[in-house]
Amino acid sequence: MSRRGNCHDNAVAESFFNLLKRERIRRRAYKTRPEARQDVFDYIEVFYNPKRKHVRNRMLSPVDFERQKETRTEGV
C-alpha cells in the first residue's frame, strides 16, 4: 500500500481534508494562524467527530462507534 503511485494509500486522509476544506476553510478568512487553528480544532472536535456518520463505522459517528466498542468489551 505504501508504494509510490498507489491511489488508495492515503484516500482516507484526502477525503477528510477535502471535507474540511469544503465545509469550513473555504468559507472563512482567518486573520491569524491561532484563529485558524482553533477553528479547525472546533470543526473536528465539535462537529466532525460527534456528528458525522462514517461508512466504515457501520454508519455511526466516531463517538458512537467508540461508545459501542467500549460497551462490547465491558460485557466480555
Protein backbone atom coordinates (compact mmCIF):
# COMPACT_ATOMS: atom_id res chain seq x y z
CA MET A 1 0.00 0.00 0.00
CA SER A 2 2.76 2.48 0.70
CA ARG A 3 4.37 2.23 -2.71
CA ARG A 4 4.63 5.41 -4.72
CA GLY A 5 1.67 6.00 -7.00
CA ASN A 6 -0.82 3.82 -5.12
CA CYS A 7 -4.07 5.79 -5.23
CA HIS A 8 -5.57 4.08 -2.17
CA ASP A 9 -2.65 4.75 0.15
CA ASN A 10 -3.95 7.95 1.70
CA ALA A 11 -7.54 8.05 0.45
CA VAL A 12 -8.97 8.42 3.96
CA ALA A 13 -6.81 11.42 4.77
CA GLU A 14 -7.52 13.01 1.40
CA SER A 15 -11.25 12.53 1.91
CA PHE A 16 -11.12 14.13 5.36
CA PHE A 17 -9.09 17.13 4.22
CA ASN A 18 -11.39 17.59 1.23
CA LEU A 19 -14.39 17.77 3.60
CA LEU A 20 -12.54 20.09 5.96
CA LYS A 21 -11.71 22.49 3.16
CA ARG A 22 -15.13 22.32 1.56
CA GLU A 23 -17.19 22.66 4.74
CA ARG A 24 -15.08 25.01 6.81
CA ILE A 25 -11.91 26.58 5.47
CA ARG A 26 -13.05 27.87 2.07
CA ARG A 27 -15.96 29.72 3.66
CA ARG A 28 -13.83 31.81 6.04
CA ALA A 29 -10.97 34.25 6.06
CA TYR A 30 -8.69 33.98 9.08
CA LYS A 31 -6.76 36.94 10.45
CA THR A 32 -4.23 34.92 12.44
CA ARG A 33 -2.86 31.40 12.49
CA PRO A 34 -4.13 30.70 16.04
CA GLU A 35 -7.62 31.71 14.93
CA ALA A 36 -7.44 29.25 12.02
CA ARG A 37 -6.04 26.52 14.27
CA GLN A 38 -8.85 27.00 16.80
CA ASP A 39 -11.49 26.92 14.07
CA VAL A 40 -10.13 23.66 12.63
CA PHE A 41 -9.99 22.16 16.13
CA ASP A 42 -13.60 23.17 16.74
CA TYR A 43 -14.65 21.65 13.42
CA ILE A 44 -13.03 18.31 14.25
CA GLU A 45 -13.99 18.04 17.91
CA VAL A 46 -17.39 19.74 17.91
CA PHE A 47 -18.85 18.81 14.53
CA TYR A 48 -16.92 16.09 12.71
CA ASN A 49 -16.29 13.52 15.43
CA PRO A 50 -19.57 13.62 17.38
CA LYS A 51 -21.98 14.00 14.47
CA ARG A 52 -20.64 12.89 11.10
CA LYS A 53 -21.53 9.29 10.25
CA HIS A 54 -18.96 7.07 8.55
CA VAL A 55 -19.49 4.07 6.30
CA ARG A 56 -16.50 2.27 7.80
CA ASN A 57 -18.04 2.60 11.28
CA ARG A 58 -21.33 0.97 10.21
CA MET A 59 -22.89 4.42 9.73
CA LEU A 60 -22.09 5.50 13.28
CA SER A 61 -20.29 8.67 14.29
CA PRO A 62 -16.79 8.13 15.72
CA VAL A 63 -18.06 8.98 19.22
CA ASP A 64 -20.95 6.50 18.97
CA PHE A 65 -18.64 3.85 17.48
CA GLU A 66 -16.20 4.20 20.39
CA ARG A 67 -19.07 4.09 22.88
CA GLN A 68 -20.42 0.89 21.30
CA LYS A 69 -16.94 -0.63 21.25
CA GLU A 70 -16.49 0.13 24.97
CA THR A 71 -19.80 -1.48 25.92
CA ARG A 72 -18.92 -4.61 23.94
CA THR A 73 -15.56 -5.00 25.70
CA GLU A 74 -17.08 -4.36 29.14
CA GLY A 75 -19.54 -7.21 28.64
CA VAL A 76 -16.77 -9.72 27.96
